[in-house]
């Protein structure tokens, strides 16, 4: 197992994007858990469960590809 940060994983969907991905039923469930004192930060598509913390050990972690930009794209070099 490796130490992982869910925000950098390809399987992580933050709770702010639940409406965008049409996951309204999960949003309702997350709100109901909030009344019990459980904070939901997102959803893991790999293990099909809520994410309650960002950092920890995970055997399913897969790093997101980093999109690199050229200086030409930023307008630094003409």
C-alpha atoms as a PDB file:
ATOM      1  CA  UNK A   1       0.000   0.000   0.000  1.00  0.00           C
ATOM      2  CA  UNK A   2       1.146   3.496  -0.682  1.00  0.00           C
ATOM      3  CA  UNK A   3       0.418   6.781   1.025  1.00  0.00           C
ATOM      4  CA  UNK A   4      -2.074   8.609  -1.138  1.00  0.00           C
ATOM      5  CA  UNK A   5      -3.824  11.941  -1.439  1.00  0.00           C
ATOM      6  CA  UNK A   6      -7.313  11.387  -2.849  1.00  0.00           C
ATOM      7  CA  UNK A   7      -7.374  14.826  -4.473  1.00  0.00           C
ATOM      8  CA  UNK A   8      -4.601  13.633  -6.809  1.00  0.00           C
ATOM      9  CA  UNK A   9      -6.288  10.332  -7.728  1.00  0.00           C
ATOM     10  CA  UNK A  10      -8.112   9.638 -11.008  1.00  0.00           C
ATOM     11  CA  UNK A  11     -10.932   7.837  -9.158  1.00  0.00           C
ATOM     12  CA  UNK A  12     -11.781  10.709  -6.790  1.00  0.00           C
ATOM     13  CA  UNK A  13     -14.839  12.924  -7.377  1.00  0.00           C
ATOM     14  CA  UNK A  14     -15.133  15.897  -4.980  1.00  0.00           C
ATOM     15  CA  UNK A  15     -18.512  16.509  -3.377  1.00  0.00           C
ATOM     16  CA  UNK A  16     -18.758  19.874  -5.158  1.00  0.00           C
ATOM     17  CA  UNK A  17     -19.011  18.041  -8.511  1.00  0.00           C
ATOM     18  CA  UNK A  18     -21.744  15.558  -7.537  1.00  0.00           C
ATOM     19  CA  UNK A  19     -24.404  17.621  -9.336  1.00  0.00           C
ATOM     20  CA  UNK A  20     -22.202  17.886 -12.425  1.00  0.00           C
ATOM     21  CA  UNK A  21     -21.851  14.084 -12.573  1.00  0.00           C
ATOM     22  CA  UNK A  22     -25.583  13.577 -11.837  1.00  0.00           C
ATOM     23  CA  UNK A  23     -24.938  11.926  -8.469  1.00  0.00           C
ATOM     24  CA  UNK A  24     -27.802  13.618  -6.627  1.00  0.00           C
ATOM     25  CA  UNK A  25     -28.797  10.478  -4.721  1.00  0.00           C
ATOM     26  CA  UNK A  26     -25.299  10.298  -3.223  1.00  0.00           C
ATOM     27  CA  UNK A  27     -25.459  14.000  -2.396  1.00  0.00           C
ATOM     28  CA  UNK A  28     -28.651  13.393  -0.412  1.00  0.00           C
ATOM     29  CA  UNK A  29     -27.010  10.499   1.425  1.00  0.00           C
ATOM     30  CA  UNK A  30     -23.951  12.638   2.195  1.00  0.00           C
ATOM     31  CA  UNK A  31     -26.213  15.349   3.627  1.00  0.00           C
ATOM     32  CA  UNK A  32     -27.957  12.802   5.853  1.00  0.00           C
ATOM     33  CA  UNK A  33     -24.579  11.579   7.160  1.00  0.00           C
ATOM     34  CA  UNK A  34     -23.637  15.178   7.912  1.00  0.00           C
ATOM     35  CA  UNK A  35     -26.400  15.257  10.539  1.00  0.00           C
ATOM     36  CA  UNK A  36     -24.655  12.348  12.298  1.00  0.00           C
ATOM     37  CA  UNK A  37     -21.354  14.249  12.448  1.00  0.00           C
ATOM     38  CA  UNK A  38     -19.670  12.501   9.497  1.00  0.00           C
ATOM     39  CA  UNK A  39     -18.062  14.826   6.975  1.00  0.00           C
ATOM     40  CA  UNK A  40     -18.073  13.537   3.394  1.00  0.00           C
ATOM     41  CA  UNK A  41     -15.376  14.994   1.122  1.00  0.00           C
ATOM     42  CA  UNK A  42     -16.097  13.088  -2.077  1.00  0.00           C
ATOM     43  CA  UNK A  43     -16.631   9.739  -3.789  1.00  0.00           C
ATOM     44  CA  UNK A  44     -14.170   7.003  -4.798  1.00  0.00           C
ATOM     45  CA  UNK A  45     -15.120   5.360  -8.097  1.00  0.00           C
ATOM     46  CA  UNK A  46     -12.578   2.582  -7.581  1.00  0.00           C
ATOM     47  CA  UNK A  47     -14.073   1.222  -4.346  1.00  0.00           C
ATOM     48  CA  UNK A  48     -17.576   2.744  -4.698  1.00  0.00           C
ATOM     49  CA  UNK A  49     -17.637   4.460  -1.327  1.00  0.00           C
ATOM     50  CA  UNK A  50     -17.548   7.894   0.260  1.00  0.00           C
ATOM     51  CA  UNK A  51     -14.218   9.569   0.983  1.00  0.00           C
ATOM     52  CA  UNK A  52     -14.037  10.836   4.566  1.00  0.00           C
ATOM     53  CA  UNK A  53     -10.379  11.928   4.590  1.00  0.00           C
ATOM     54  CA  UNK A  54      -7.944  13.004   1.886  1.00  0.00           C
ATOM     55  CA  UNK A  55      -4.651  11.432   2.977  1.00  0.00           C
ATOM     56  CA  UNK A  56      -3.948   7.868   4.002  1.00  0.00           C
ATOM     57  CA  UNK A  57      -2.988   4.422   2.776  1.00  0.00           C
ATOM     58  CA  UNK A  58      -4.744   3.211  -0.362  1.00  0.00           C
ATOM     59  CA  UNK A  59      -4.082   0.194  -2.554  1.00  0.00           C
ATOM     60  CA  UNK A  60      -6.176   1.596  -5.413  1.00  0.00           C
ATOM     61  CA  UNK A  61      -4.459   4.963  -5.790  1.00  0.00           C
ATOM     62  CA  UNK A  62      -3.710   6.024  -9.369  1.00  0.00           C
ATOM     63  CA  UNK A  63      -2.157   9.436  -9.909  1.00  0.00           C
ATOM     64  CA  UNK A  64      -3.833  11.860 -12.292  1.00  0.00           C
ATOM     65  CA  UNK A  65      -1.857  12.725 -15.399  1.00  0.00           C
ATOM     66  CA  UNK A  66      -0.348  16.177 -15.159  1.00  0.00           C
ATOM     67  CA  UNK A  67      -1.095  18.312 -18.178  1.00  0.00           C
ATOM     68  CA  UNK A  68       1.995  20.295 -18.998  1.00  0.00           C
ATOM     69  CA  UNK A  69       1.789  23.574 -20.861  1.00  0.00           C
ATOM     70  CA  UNK A  70       4.398  25.177 -23.041  1.00  0.00           C
ATOM     71  CA  UNK A  71       5.595  28.727 -22.595  1.00  0.00           C
ATOM     72  CA  UNK A  72       4.080  29.476 -25.987  1.00  0.00           C
ATOM     73  CA  UNK A  73       0.620  28.579 -24.654  1.00  0.00           C
ATOM     74  CA  UNK A  74       1.039  31.088 -21.815  1.00  0.00           C
ATOM     75  CA  UNK A  75       2.179  33.796 -24.216  1.00  0.00           C
ATOM     76  CA  UNK A  76       5.675  34.102 -22.737  1.00  0.00           C
ATOM     77  CA  UNK A  77       7.415  33.114 -25.979  1.00  0.00           C
ATOM     78  CA  UNK A  78       6.101  34.430 -29.274  1.00  0.00           C
END
